[in-house]
């Protein structure tokens, strides 16, 4: 329900509504309208957004409230159960513990990149990419679908790649090589008399 009042020569509206996720009573206030009619039109548009999306405040929505609602209402019906289960698990175990009490507009690129770097110390590159993909998609929707955030601060974040480990080169010692070559000889009375080719091949490889 919207309420209106005049402050000086400007009008403002105040919308009172119940958060669908938490059940708590919340308010949305905005002023600066020249006439009461302008305030009423703006309030009506805002009430439609609240009713349709469940989100209202421009960037002031708590990450915890937003992403849980986003998962339940906008992801669960549109993905396979196994996909939803994996996304919900990553949100619950990784995203919410770190970002739940932040507001959407409080997330900065620098702080988020540090968090991604920390995750790479615990998880593989692929796992971190999946976690980041979920969060980035949620933030993208906050900007382009729900219009509650002006821009997505984490859209160009870089996930550190896997560091290629040098493989240990295994080789024969001189003694082992001599022993091997001494055994790569044709077997007396063997069916395949040309097996000497192996002696020649490995001697060439070993001595080149």
N, C-alpha and C. Protein backbone atom coordinates (compact mmCIF):
# COMPACT_ATOMS: atom_id res chain seq x y z
N UNK A 1 0.85 -1.19 0.00
CA UNK A 1 0.00 0.00 0.00
C UNK A 1 0.88 1.24 0.00
N UNK A 2 0.50 2.22 -0.82
CA UNK A 2 1.31 3.44 -0.95
C UNK A 2 0.69 4.61 -0.18
N UNK A 3 1.55 5.41 0.41
CA UNK A 3 1.14 6.64 1.11
C UNK A 3 1.90 7.80 0.50
N UNK A 4 1.27 8.98 0.50
CA UNK A 4 1.86 10.14 -0.15
C UNK A 4 1.87 11.33 0.80
N UNK A 5 2.91 12.15 0.67
CA UNK A 5 2.94 13.39 1.46
C UNK A 5 3.78 14.42 0.73
N UNK A 6 3.48 15.67 1.04
CA UNK A 6 4.19 16.77 0.41
C UNK A 6 5.24 17.30 1.36
N UNK A 7 6.47 17.42 0.86
CA UNK A 7 7.56 17.95 1.67
C UNK A 7 8.11 19.17 0.94
N UNK A 8 7.81 20.35 1.48
CA UNK A 8 8.15 21.59 0.80
C UNK A 8 7.27 21.72 -0.43
N UNK A 9 7.90 21.85 -1.58
CA UNK A 9 7.11 21.96 -2.81
C UNK A 9 7.18 20.66 -3.63
N UNK A 10 7.67 19.57 -3.04
CA UNK A 10 7.78 18.29 -3.72
C UNK A 10 6.94 17.22 -3.02
N UNK A 11 6.59 16.17 -3.79
CA UNK A 11 5.82 15.05 -3.25
C UNK A 11 6.69 13.80 -3.18
N UNK A 12 6.37 12.94 -2.24
CA UNK A 12 7.06 11.66 -2.13
C UNK A 12 6.05 10.56 -1.85
N UNK A 13 6.46 9.34 -2.17
CA UNK A 13 5.60 8.20 -1.83
C UNK A 13 6.33 7.27 -0.87
N UNK A 14 5.55 6.51 -0.12
CA UNK A 14 6.10 5.49 0.77
C UNK A 14 5.26 4.23 0.59
N UNK A 15 5.92 3.14 0.17
CA UNK A 15 5.24 1.87 -0.07
C UNK A 15 5.59 0.91 1.05
N UNK A 16 4.60 0.35 1.66
CA UNK A 16 4.79 -0.65 2.70
C UNK A 16 4.40 -2.02 2.14
N UNK A 17 5.30 -3.01 2.30
CA UNK A 17 5.02 -4.34 1.76
C UNK A 17 5.72 -5.40 2.60
N UNK A 18 5.31 -6.65 2.43
CA UNK A 18 5.90 -7.76 3.18
C UNK A 18 6.86 -8.52 2.27
N UNK A 19 8.08 -8.70 2.75
CA UNK A 19 9.07 -9.44 2.01
C UNK A 19 8.64 -10.90 1.91
N UNK A 20 8.56 -11.43 0.69
CA UNK A 20 8.07 -12.78 0.50
C UNK A 20 9.03 -13.84 1.04
N UNK A 21 10.31 -13.51 1.07
CA UNK A 21 11.30 -14.48 1.52
C UNK A 21 11.39 -14.54 3.04
N UNK A 22 11.43 -13.37 3.70
CA UNK A 22 11.63 -13.35 5.15
C UNK A 22 10.34 -13.15 5.93
N UNK A 23 9.31 -12.61 5.27
CA UNK A 23 8.06 -12.33 5.98
C UNK A 23 8.10 -11.02 6.73
N UNK A 24 9.23 -10.32 6.67
CA UNK A 24 9.37 -9.05 7.39
C UNK A 24 8.70 -7.92 6.62
N UNK A 25 8.23 -6.93 7.36
CA UNK A 25 7.63 -5.75 6.76
C UNK A 25 8.73 -4.81 6.28
N UNK A 26 8.63 -4.33 5.05
CA UNK A 26 9.64 -3.45 4.50
C UNK A 26 8.98 -2.22 3.91
N UNK A 27 9.81 -1.19 3.64
CA UNK A 27 9.29 0.04 3.05
C UNK A 27 10.19 0.51 1.92
N UNK A 28 9.57 1.17 0.96
CA UNK A 28 10.29 1.79 -0.15
C UNK A 28 9.81 3.23 -0.24
N UNK A 29 10.73 4.18 -0.15
CA UNK A 29 10.36 5.60 -0.19
C UNK A 29 11.13 6.33 -1.28
N UNK A 30 10.45 7.22 -1.98
CA UNK A 30 11.11 8.03 -2.99
C UNK A 30 10.40 9.36 -3.11
N UNK A 31 11.17 10.43 -3.23
CA UNK A 31 10.59 11.77 -3.30
C UNK A 31 11.09 12.53 -4.51
N UNK A 32 10.81 13.85 -4.51
CA UNK A 32 11.28 14.71 -5.58
C UNK A 32 10.30 14.90 -6.72
N UNK A 33 9.04 14.46 -6.54
CA UNK A 33 8.04 14.59 -7.60
C UNK A 33 7.38 15.97 -7.54
N UNK A 34 7.14 16.54 -8.69
CA UNK A 34 6.57 17.88 -8.74
C UNK A 34 5.11 17.90 -8.31
N UNK A 35 4.40 16.83 -8.65
CA UNK A 35 2.97 16.78 -8.30
C UNK A 35 2.65 15.45 -7.63
N UNK A 36 1.49 15.42 -6.95
CA UNK A 36 1.05 14.19 -6.32
C UNK A 36 0.77 13.13 -7.38
N UNK A 37 0.26 13.57 -8.52
CA UNK A 37 -0.05 12.64 -9.61
C UNK A 37 1.19 11.91 -10.08
N UNK A 38 2.31 12.63 -10.21
CA UNK A 38 3.56 12.01 -10.63
C UNK A 38 4.02 10.98 -9.59
N UNK A 39 3.86 11.31 -8.32
CA UNK A 39 4.23 10.39 -7.25
C UNK A 39 3.35 9.14 -7.29
N UNK A 40 2.07 9.32 -7.57
CA UNK A 40 1.14 8.19 -7.64
C UNK A 40 1.49 7.26 -8.80
N UNK A 41 1.85 7.83 -9.93
CA UNK A 41 2.21 7.01 -11.09
C UNK A 41 3.48 6.21 -10.81
N UNK A 42 4.47 6.89 -10.23
CA UNK A 42 5.73 6.21 -9.91
C UNK A 42 5.52 5.12 -8.87
N UNK A 43 4.68 5.40 -7.86
CA UNK A 43 4.40 4.41 -6.82
C UNK A 43 3.70 3.20 -7.40
N UNK A 44 2.78 3.43 -8.33
CA UNK A 44 2.06 2.34 -8.97
C UNK A 44 3.02 1.44 -9.74
N UNK A 45 3.97 2.04 -10.46
CA UNK A 45 4.96 1.26 -11.21
C UNK A 45 5.84 0.44 -10.27
N UNK A 46 6.21 1.06 -9.14
CA UNK A 46 7.07 0.36 -8.18
C UNK A 46 6.32 -0.80 -7.53
N UNK A 47 5.05 -0.61 -7.23
CA UNK A 47 4.25 -1.68 -6.64
C UNK A 47 4.12 -2.86 -7.61
N UNK A 48 4.03 -2.57 -8.90
CA UNK A 48 3.96 -3.63 -9.89
C UNK A 48 5.25 -4.44 -9.92
N UNK A 49 6.39 -3.74 -9.78
CA UNK A 49 7.68 -4.44 -9.74
C UNK A 49 7.77 -5.34 -8.52
N UNK A 50 7.34 -4.82 -7.38
CA UNK A 50 7.38 -5.60 -6.15
C UNK A 50 6.51 -6.83 -6.28
N UNK A 51 5.33 -6.64 -6.81
CA UNK A 51 4.39 -7.76 -6.96
C UNK A 51 4.91 -8.79 -7.96
N UNK A 52 5.53 -8.32 -9.04
CA UNK A 52 5.97 -9.23 -10.10
C UNK A 52 7.28 -9.93 -9.76
N UNK A 53 8.25 -9.17 -9.27
CA UNK A 53 9.57 -9.73 -9.04
C UNK A 53 9.83 -10.14 -7.58
N UNK A 54 9.23 -9.46 -6.67
CA UNK A 54 9.54 -9.72 -5.27
C UNK A 54 10.72 -8.90 -4.78
N UNK A 55 11.30 -8.08 -5.65
CA UNK A 55 12.43 -7.23 -5.28
C UNK A 55 12.01 -5.78 -5.51
N UNK A 56 12.60 -4.88 -4.73
CA UNK A 56 12.20 -3.50 -4.94
C UNK A 56 13.35 -2.51 -4.88
N UNK A 57 14.11 -2.54 -3.80
CA UNK A 57 15.05 -1.45 -3.57
C UNK A 57 16.20 -1.46 -4.56
N UNK A 58 16.56 -0.30 -5.03
CA UNK A 58 17.59 -0.17 -6.04
C UNK A 58 18.97 -0.46 -5.46
N UNK A 59 19.35 -1.72 -5.52
CA UNK A 59 20.66 -2.12 -5.04
C UNK A 59 20.76 -2.32 -3.55
N UNK A 60 19.68 -2.07 -2.80
CA UNK A 60 19.73 -2.19 -1.35
C UNK A 60 19.25 -3.57 -0.86
N UNK A 61 18.88 -4.41 -1.79
CA UNK A 61 18.43 -5.76 -1.43
C UNK A 61 19.60 -6.55 -0.86
N UNK A 62 19.38 -7.26 0.24
CA UNK A 62 20.43 -8.11 0.80
C UNK A 62 20.72 -9.26 -0.16
N UNK A 63 22.01 -9.57 -0.33
CA UNK A 63 22.39 -10.66 -1.22
C UNK A 63 21.73 -11.96 -0.80
N UNK A 64 21.68 -12.23 0.51
CA UNK A 64 21.07 -13.46 0.99
C UNK A 64 19.61 -13.56 0.60
N UNK A 65 18.85 -12.48 0.81
CA UNK A 65 17.42 -12.48 0.46
C UNK A 65 17.24 -12.60 -1.05
N UNK A 66 18.05 -11.84 -1.78
CA UNK A 66 17.89 -11.81 -3.23
C UNK A 66 18.21 -13.15 -3.88
N UNK A 67 19.37 -13.73 -3.55
CA UNK A 67 19.79 -14.92 -4.28
C UNK A 67 18.97 -16.15 -3.91
N UNK A 68 18.48 -16.22 -2.66
CA UNK A 68 17.62 -17.34 -2.29
C UNK A 68 16.28 -17.25 -3.02
N UNK A 69 15.74 -16.05 -3.13
CA UNK A 69 14.50 -15.85 -3.87
C UNK A 69 14.71 -16.14 -5.35
N UNK A 70 15.81 -15.66 -5.88
CA UNK A 70 16.15 -15.88 -7.29
C UNK A 70 16.26 -17.36 -7.61
N UNK A 71 16.92 -18.11 -6.74
CA UNK A 71 17.06 -19.55 -6.94
C UNK A 71 15.71 -20.26 -6.94
N UNK A 72 14.91 -19.96 -5.94
CA UNK A 72 13.64 -20.67 -5.74
C UNK A 72 12.61 -20.32 -6.81
N UNK A 73 12.48 -19.04 -7.13
CA UNK A 73 11.41 -18.59 -8.01
C UNK A 73 11.80 -18.61 -9.49
N UNK A 74 13.07 -18.26 -9.78
CA UNK A 74 13.43 -18.06 -11.18
C UNK A 74 14.36 -19.13 -11.74
N UNK A 75 15.00 -19.94 -10.89
CA UNK A 75 15.88 -20.99 -11.40
C UNK A 75 15.27 -22.39 -11.26
N UNK A 76 14.73 -22.71 -10.10
CA UNK A 76 14.21 -24.06 -9.88
C UNK A 76 13.24 -24.52 -10.97
N UNK A 77 12.28 -23.68 -11.40
CA UNK A 77 11.32 -24.15 -12.41
C UNK A 77 11.93 -24.31 -13.81
N UNK A 78 13.13 -23.78 -14.03
CA UNK A 78 13.66 -23.71 -15.39
C UNK A 78 14.91 -24.54 -15.63
N UNK A 79 15.35 -25.29 -14.62
CA UNK A 79 16.52 -26.14 -14.81
C UNK A 79 16.21 -27.55 -14.32
N UNK A 80 17.03 -28.49 -14.71
CA UNK A 80 16.84 -29.87 -14.26
C UNK A 80 17.08 -29.97 -12.76
N UNK A 81 16.42 -30.91 -12.08
CA UNK A 81 16.58 -31.05 -10.63
C UNK A 81 18.03 -31.20 -10.19
N UNK A 82 18.81 -31.97 -10.94
CA UNK A 82 20.22 -32.17 -10.55
C UNK A 82 21.00 -30.87 -10.68
N UNK A 83 20.65 -30.08 -11.71
CA UNK A 83 21.32 -28.78 -11.88
C UNK A 83 20.96 -27.84 -10.75
N UNK A 84 19.68 -27.81 -10.41
CA UNK A 84 19.25 -26.95 -9.31
C UNK A 84 19.92 -27.37 -8.00
N UNK A 85 20.01 -28.68 -7.77
CA UNK A 85 20.62 -29.18 -6.54
C UNK A 85 22.07 -28.73 -6.42
N UNK A 86 22.82 -28.79 -7.52
CA UNK A 86 24.22 -28.36 -7.51
C UNK A 86 24.33 -26.85 -7.30
N UNK A 87 23.44 -26.09 -7.93
CA UNK A 87 23.47 -24.64 -7.77
C UNK A 87 23.12 -24.25 -6.34
N UNK A 88 22.08 -24.86 -5.79
CA UNK A 88 21.65 -24.56 -4.42
C UNK A 88 22.76 -24.88 -3.43
N UNK A 89 23.46 -26.00 -3.65
CA UNK A 89 24.54 -26.41 -2.76
C UNK A 89 25.69 -25.41 -2.80
N UNK A 90 26.05 -24.96 -3.99
CA UNK A 90 27.15 -23.99 -4.10
C UNK A 90 26.77 -22.65 -3.48
N UNK A 91 25.51 -22.26 -3.63
CA UNK A 91 25.04 -21.02 -3.01
C UNK A 91 25.10 -21.15 -1.50
N UNK A 92 24.59 -22.24 -0.98
CA UNK A 92 24.49 -22.44 0.48
C UNK A 92 25.87 -22.59 1.14
N UNK A 93 26.78 -23.30 0.49
CA UNK A 93 28.07 -23.59 1.11
C UNK A 93 29.15 -22.56 0.82
N UNK A 94 29.01 -21.80 -0.27
CA UNK A 94 30.09 -20.89 -0.64
C UNK A 94 29.68 -19.43 -0.75
N UNK A 95 28.58 -19.16 -1.42
CA UNK A 95 28.20 -17.76 -1.65
C UNK A 95 27.58 -17.12 -0.42
N UNK A 96 26.58 -17.77 0.18
CA UNK A 96 25.89 -17.16 1.31
C UNK A 96 26.79 -16.92 2.53
N UNK A 97 27.66 -17.88 2.91
CA UNK A 97 28.51 -17.62 4.07
C UNK A 97 29.37 -16.37 3.93
N UNK A 98 29.74 -16.04 2.70
CA UNK A 98 30.62 -14.88 2.47
C UNK A 98 29.86 -13.59 2.19
N UNK A 99 28.72 -13.68 1.47
CA UNK A 99 28.09 -12.47 0.96
C UNK A 99 26.67 -12.23 1.46
N UNK A 100 26.12 -13.10 2.25
CA UNK A 100 24.71 -13.04 2.64
C UNK A 100 24.29 -11.69 3.21
N UNK A 101 25.14 -11.09 4.05
CA UNK A 101 24.75 -9.84 4.73
C UNK A 101 25.16 -8.58 3.97
N UNK A 102 25.74 -8.74 2.78
CA UNK A 102 26.04 -7.59 1.93
C UNK A 102 24.78 -7.18 1.18
N UNK A 103 24.69 -5.91 0.85
CA UNK A 103 23.66 -5.46 -0.07
C UNK A 103 24.23 -5.54 -1.47
N UNK A 104 23.36 -5.69 -2.46
CA UNK A 104 23.83 -5.87 -3.83
C UNK A 104 24.79 -4.76 -4.26
N UNK A 105 24.48 -3.52 -3.86
CA UNK A 105 25.31 -2.41 -4.31
C UNK A 105 26.57 -2.22 -3.46
N UNK A 106 26.80 -3.11 -2.51
CA UNK A 106 28.02 -3.04 -1.69
C UNK A 106 29.12 -3.96 -2.21
N UNK A 107 28.80 -4.80 -3.18
CA UNK A 107 29.79 -5.73 -3.73
C UNK A 107 30.70 -4.96 -4.68
N UNK A 108 31.99 -5.04 -4.44
CA UNK A 108 32.96 -4.35 -5.30
C UNK A 108 33.78 -5.38 -6.08
N UNK A 109 34.23 -4.97 -7.23
CA UNK A 109 35.02 -5.85 -8.08
C UNK A 109 36.28 -6.33 -7.37
N UNK A 110 36.96 -5.42 -6.69
CA UNK A 110 38.22 -5.76 -6.03
C UNK A 110 38.03 -6.80 -4.93
N UNK A 111 37.03 -6.59 -4.07
CA UNK A 111 36.79 -7.52 -2.98
C UNK A 111 36.34 -8.88 -3.50
N UNK A 112 35.52 -8.84 -4.54
CA UNK A 112 35.04 -10.10 -5.11
C UNK A 112 36.18 -10.88 -5.75
N UNK A 113 37.09 -10.19 -6.46
CA UNK A 113 38.23 -10.87 -7.09
C UNK A 113 39.12 -11.53 -6.03
N UNK A 114 39.31 -10.86 -4.90
CA UNK A 114 40.10 -11.44 -3.81
C UNK A 114 39.45 -12.74 -3.32
N UNK A 115 38.11 -12.72 -3.23
CA UNK A 115 37.39 -13.91 -2.78
C UNK A 115 37.56 -15.06 -3.78
N UNK A 116 37.48 -14.75 -5.06
CA UNK A 116 37.68 -15.76 -6.10
C UNK A 116 39.08 -16.35 -5.99
N UNK A 117 40.07 -15.50 -5.77
CA UNK A 117 41.45 -15.98 -5.63
C UNK A 117 41.59 -16.90 -4.42
N UNK A 118 40.89 -16.56 -3.34
CA UNK A 118 40.92 -17.41 -2.14
C UNK A 118 40.27 -18.77 -2.42
N UNK A 119 39.17 -18.75 -3.17
CA UNK A 119 38.51 -20.01 -3.51
C UNK A 119 39.43 -20.93 -4.30
N UNK A 120 40.28 -20.34 -5.15
CA UNK A 120 41.18 -21.17 -5.96
C UNK A 120 42.20 -21.90 -5.12
N UNK A 121 42.44 -21.42 -3.90
CA UNK A 121 43.35 -22.13 -3.00
C UNK A 121 42.69 -23.38 -2.41
N UNK A 122 41.34 -23.45 -2.52
CA UNK A 122 40.59 -24.57 -1.94
C UNK A 122 39.99 -25.49 -2.98
N UNK A 123 39.64 -24.93 -4.14
CA UNK A 123 38.94 -25.70 -5.15
C UNK A 123 39.66 -25.66 -6.49
N UNK A 124 39.26 -26.58 -7.37
CA UNK A 124 39.82 -26.60 -8.73
C UNK A 124 39.29 -25.41 -9.52
N UNK A 125 39.94 -25.16 -10.64
CA UNK A 125 39.51 -24.05 -11.50
C UNK A 125 38.06 -24.25 -11.96
N UNK A 126 37.70 -25.49 -12.32
CA UNK A 126 36.35 -25.77 -12.78
C UNK A 126 35.29 -25.50 -11.73
N UNK A 127 35.57 -25.90 -10.49
CA UNK A 127 34.62 -25.68 -9.39
C UNK A 127 34.43 -24.19 -9.14
N UNK A 128 35.51 -23.44 -9.13
CA UNK A 128 35.42 -21.99 -8.89
C UNK A 128 34.66 -21.31 -10.03
N UNK A 129 34.86 -21.78 -11.24
CA UNK A 129 34.12 -21.21 -12.37
C UNK A 129 32.62 -21.45 -12.22
N UNK A 130 32.24 -22.61 -11.71
CA UNK A 130 30.82 -22.90 -11.51
C UNK A 130 30.22 -21.99 -10.44
N UNK A 131 30.95 -21.80 -9.34
CA UNK A 131 30.48 -20.92 -8.27
C UNK A 131 30.32 -19.50 -8.79
N UNK A 132 31.34 -19.03 -9.50
CA UNK A 132 31.30 -17.67 -10.04
C UNK A 132 30.17 -17.52 -11.06
N UNK A 133 29.95 -18.54 -11.88
CA UNK A 133 28.91 -18.47 -12.90
C UNK A 133 27.53 -18.27 -12.28
N UNK A 134 27.27 -18.97 -11.17
CA UNK A 134 25.98 -18.83 -10.49
C UNK A 134 25.79 -17.40 -9.99
N UNK A 135 26.80 -16.90 -9.30
CA UNK A 135 26.70 -15.56 -8.71
C UNK A 135 26.62 -14.50 -9.80
N UNK A 136 27.43 -14.65 -10.84
CA UNK A 136 27.43 -13.65 -11.91
C UNK A 136 26.10 -13.63 -12.65
N UNK A 137 25.50 -14.80 -12.86
CA UNK A 137 24.20 -14.87 -13.52
C UNK A 137 23.13 -14.19 -12.67
N UNK A 138 23.18 -14.41 -11.36
CA UNK A 138 22.22 -13.77 -10.45
C UNK A 138 22.37 -12.25 -10.50
N UNK A 139 23.61 -11.78 -10.52
CA UNK A 139 23.85 -10.34 -10.57
C UNK A 139 23.44 -9.77 -11.94
N UNK A 140 23.67 -10.54 -12.99
CA UNK A 140 23.26 -10.10 -14.33
C UNK A 140 21.74 -9.92 -14.37
N UNK A 141 21.00 -10.86 -13.77
CA UNK A 141 19.54 -10.74 -13.74
C UNK A 141 19.10 -9.54 -12.90
N UNK A 142 19.84 -9.25 -11.84
CA UNK A 142 19.50 -8.09 -11.01
C UNK A 142 19.58 -6.80 -11.82
N UNK A 143 20.51 -6.78 -12.79
CA UNK A 143 20.68 -5.60 -13.65
C UNK A 143 19.68 -5.59 -14.79
N UNK A 144 19.63 -6.68 -15.55
CA UNK A 144 18.91 -6.68 -16.82
C UNK A 144 17.48 -7.20 -16.74
N UNK A 145 17.18 -8.02 -15.75
CA UNK A 145 15.83 -8.55 -15.64
C UNK A 145 14.98 -7.76 -14.64
N UNK A 146 15.54 -7.50 -13.46
CA UNK A 146 14.75 -6.90 -12.39
C UNK A 146 14.98 -5.40 -12.22
N UNK A 147 16.06 -4.89 -12.86
CA UNK A 147 16.35 -3.45 -12.83
C UNK A 147 16.50 -2.92 -11.41
N UNK A 148 17.12 -3.72 -10.54
CA UNK A 148 17.33 -3.27 -9.16
C UNK A 148 18.80 -2.94 -8.90
N UNK A 149 19.61 -3.05 -9.95
CA UNK A 149 21.02 -2.73 -9.84
C UNK A 149 21.46 -2.11 -11.16
N UNK A 150 22.30 -1.09 -11.09
CA UNK A 150 22.67 -0.37 -12.30
C UNK A 150 23.66 -1.15 -13.16
N UNK A 151 24.61 -1.86 -12.53
CA UNK A 151 25.60 -2.60 -13.30
C UNK A 151 26.08 -3.81 -12.50
N UNK A 152 26.62 -4.76 -13.23
CA UNK A 152 27.13 -5.99 -12.60
C UNK A 152 28.62 -5.83 -12.36
N UNK A 153 29.05 -5.66 -11.10
CA UNK A 153 30.47 -5.41 -10.83
C UNK A 153 31.36 -6.63 -10.99
N UNK A 154 30.78 -7.81 -11.19
CA UNK A 154 31.60 -9.03 -11.22
C UNK A 154 31.59 -9.71 -12.59
N UNK A 155 31.15 -9.00 -13.62
CA UNK A 155 31.00 -9.66 -14.92
C UNK A 155 32.33 -9.93 -15.62
N UNK A 156 33.39 -9.21 -15.29
CA UNK A 156 34.68 -9.42 -15.95
C UNK A 156 35.74 -9.97 -14.99
N UNK A 157 35.29 -10.66 -13.98
CA UNK A 157 36.21 -11.27 -13.02
C UNK A 157 36.97 -12.41 -13.68
N UNK A 158 38.23 -12.57 -13.31
CA UNK A 158 39.06 -13.64 -13.88
C UNK A 158 39.30 -14.73 -12.83
N UNK A 159 39.05 -15.97 -13.24
CA UNK A 159 39.33 -17.11 -12.37
C UNK A 159 40.75 -17.59 -12.67
N UNK A 160 41.63 -17.59 -11.67
CA UNK A 160 43.01 -18.03 -11.91
C UNK A 160 43.05 -19.44 -12.50
N UNK A 161 43.82 -19.65 -13.56
CA UNK A 161 43.87 -20.96 -14.21
C UNK A 161 44.68 -21.96 -13.40
N UNK A 162 44.55 -23.21 -13.79
CA UNK A 162 45.35 -24.25 -13.16
C UNK A 162 46.82 -24.02 -13.50
N UNK A 163 47.68 -24.22 -12.52
CA UNK A 163 49.11 -24.10 -12.75
C UNK A 163 49.63 -25.47 -13.18
N UNK A 164 50.20 -25.52 -14.38
CA UNK A 164 50.69 -26.80 -14.88
C UNK A 164 51.90 -27.25 -14.08
N UNK A 165 51.80 -28.43 -13.52
CA UNK A 165 52.89 -28.97 -12.73
C UNK A 165 53.90 -29.66 -13.65
N UNK A 166 55.16 -29.41 -13.38
CA UNK A 166 56.20 -30.06 -14.17
C UNK A 166 56.23 -31.54 -13.83
N UNK A 167 56.18 -32.33 -14.90
CA UNK A 167 56.21 -33.78 -14.70
C UNK A 167 57.65 -34.24 -14.50
N UNK A 168 57.81 -35.11 -13.54
CA UNK A 168 59.14 -35.64 -13.28
C UNK A 168 59.53 -36.59 -14.41
N UNK A 169 60.67 -36.34 -14.98
CA UNK A 169 61.15 -37.20 -16.06
C UNK A 169 61.81 -38.43 -15.47
N UNK A 170 61.29 -39.59 -15.84
CA UNK A 170 61.85 -40.84 -15.33
C UNK A 170 62.78 -41.44 -16.39
N UNK A 171 63.91 -41.89 -15.98
CA UNK A 171 64.89 -42.40 -16.94
C UNK A 171 65.72 -43.51 -16.29
N UNK A 172 66.36 -44.32 -17.15
CA UNK A 172 67.26 -45.38 -16.68
C UNK A 172 68.58 -44.77 -16.22
N UNK A 173 69.16 -45.38 -15.22
CA UNK A 173 70.55 -45.06 -14.91
C UNK A 173 71.40 -45.79 -15.95
N UNK A 174 72.68 -45.49 -15.97
CA UNK A 174 73.56 -46.16 -16.94
C UNK A 174 73.54 -47.68 -16.71
N UNK A 175 73.58 -48.09 -15.46
CA UNK A 175 73.58 -49.51 -15.14
C UNK A 175 72.28 -50.17 -15.57
N UNK A 176 71.14 -49.48 -15.32
CA UNK A 176 69.85 -50.04 -15.72
C UNK A 176 69.75 -50.16 -17.24
N UNK A 177 70.27 -49.14 -17.95
CA UNK A 177 70.23 -49.17 -19.41
C UNK A 177 71.05 -50.33 -19.96
N UNK A 178 72.23 -50.52 -19.43
CA UNK A 178 73.08 -51.63 -19.89
C UNK A 178 72.40 -52.97 -19.65
N UNK A 179 71.74 -53.08 -18.50
CA UNK A 179 71.04 -54.32 -18.18
C UNK A 179 69.88 -54.55 -19.14
N UNK A 180 69.15 -53.47 -19.45
CA UNK A 180 68.02 -53.58 -20.37
C UNK A 180 68.49 -54.00 -21.76
N UNK A 181 69.54 -53.34 -22.26
CA UNK A 181 70.02 -53.65 -23.61
C UNK A 181 70.58 -55.06 -23.70
N UNK A 182 71.11 -55.53 -22.61
CA UNK A 182 71.66 -56.91 -22.62
C UNK A 182 70.57 -57.95 -22.76
N UNK A 183 69.34 -57.54 -22.40
CA UNK A 183 68.22 -58.49 -22.47
C UNK A 183 67.44 -58.38 -23.78
N UNK A 184 67.65 -57.28 -24.51
CA UNK A 184 66.91 -57.09 -25.76
C UNK A 184 67.68 -57.76 -26.90
N UNK A 185 67.71 -59.05 -26.86
CA UNK A 185 68.43 -59.85 -27.86
C UNK A 185 67.52 -60.95 -28.35
N UNK A 186 67.76 -61.42 -29.57
CA UNK A 186 66.92 -62.51 -30.07
C UNK A 186 67.03 -63.75 -29.20
N UNK A 187 65.92 -64.40 -29.00
CA UNK A 187 65.90 -65.64 -28.23
C UNK A 187 66.35 -66.76 -29.15
N UNK A 188 67.25 -67.58 -28.64
CA UNK A 188 67.79 -68.68 -29.45
C UNK A 188 66.67 -69.60 -29.91
N UNK A 189 66.70 -69.93 -31.20
CA UNK A 189 65.70 -70.81 -31.81
C UNK A 189 64.28 -70.20 -31.77
N UNK A 190 64.20 -68.83 -31.60
CA UNK A 190 62.89 -68.19 -31.58
C UNK A 190 62.25 -68.25 -32.95
N UNK A 191 60.93 -68.22 -32.98
CA UNK A 191 60.19 -68.29 -34.24
C UNK A 191 60.47 -67.06 -35.08
N UNK A 192 60.54 -65.86 -34.39
CA UNK A 192 60.74 -64.62 -35.12
C UNK A 192 62.22 -64.26 -35.06
N UNK A 193 62.98 -64.68 -36.10
CA UNK A 193 64.41 -64.50 -36.11
C UNK A 193 64.80 -63.03 -36.23
N UNK A 194 63.89 -62.17 -36.77
CA UNK A 194 64.25 -60.78 -37.01
C UNK A 194 64.05 -59.91 -35.76
N UNK A 195 63.84 -60.53 -34.60
CA UNK A 195 63.62 -59.73 -33.39
C UNK A 195 64.86 -58.95 -32.99
N UNK A 196 65.96 -59.16 -33.68
CA UNK A 196 67.16 -58.37 -33.41
C UNK A 196 66.90 -56.89 -33.66
N UNK A 197 65.87 -56.62 -34.44
CA UNK A 197 65.54 -55.22 -34.72
C UNK A 197 65.29 -54.43 -33.45
N UNK A 198 64.78 -55.06 -32.38
CA UNK A 198 64.54 -54.35 -31.13
C UNK A 198 65.86 -53.97 -30.46
N UNK A 199 66.83 -54.88 -30.56
CA UNK A 199 68.15 -54.56 -30.02
C UNK A 199 68.73 -53.35 -30.72
N UNK A 200 68.59 -53.33 -32.05
CA UNK A 200 69.11 -52.22 -32.84
C UNK A 200 68.37 -50.92 -32.52
N UNK A 201 67.04 -51.01 -32.44
CA UNK A 201 66.22 -49.82 -32.19
C UNK A 201 66.55 -49.18 -30.85
N UNK A 202 66.53 -49.96 -29.77
CA UNK A 202 66.73 -49.37 -28.43
C UNK A 202 68.19 -48.95 -28.22
N UNK A 203 69.12 -49.64 -28.90
CA UNK A 203 70.51 -49.20 -28.79
C UNK A 203 70.69 -47.86 -29.47
N UNK A 204 70.05 -47.69 -30.62
CA UNK A 204 70.12 -46.41 -31.33
C UNK A 204 69.53 -45.30 -30.51
N UNK A 205 68.32 -45.54 -29.92
CA UNK A 205 67.69 -44.53 -29.09
C UNK A 205 68.53 -44.17 -27.88
N UNK A 206 69.11 -45.19 -27.26
CA UNK A 206 69.84 -44.97 -26.01
C UNK A 206 71.16 -44.25 -26.25
N UNK A 207 71.78 -44.50 -27.41
CA UNK A 207 73.12 -43.95 -27.64
C UNK A 207 73.12 -42.66 -28.47
N UNK A 208 71.93 -42.24 -28.94
CA UNK A 208 71.88 -41.03 -29.76
C UNK A 208 71.91 -39.79 -28.87
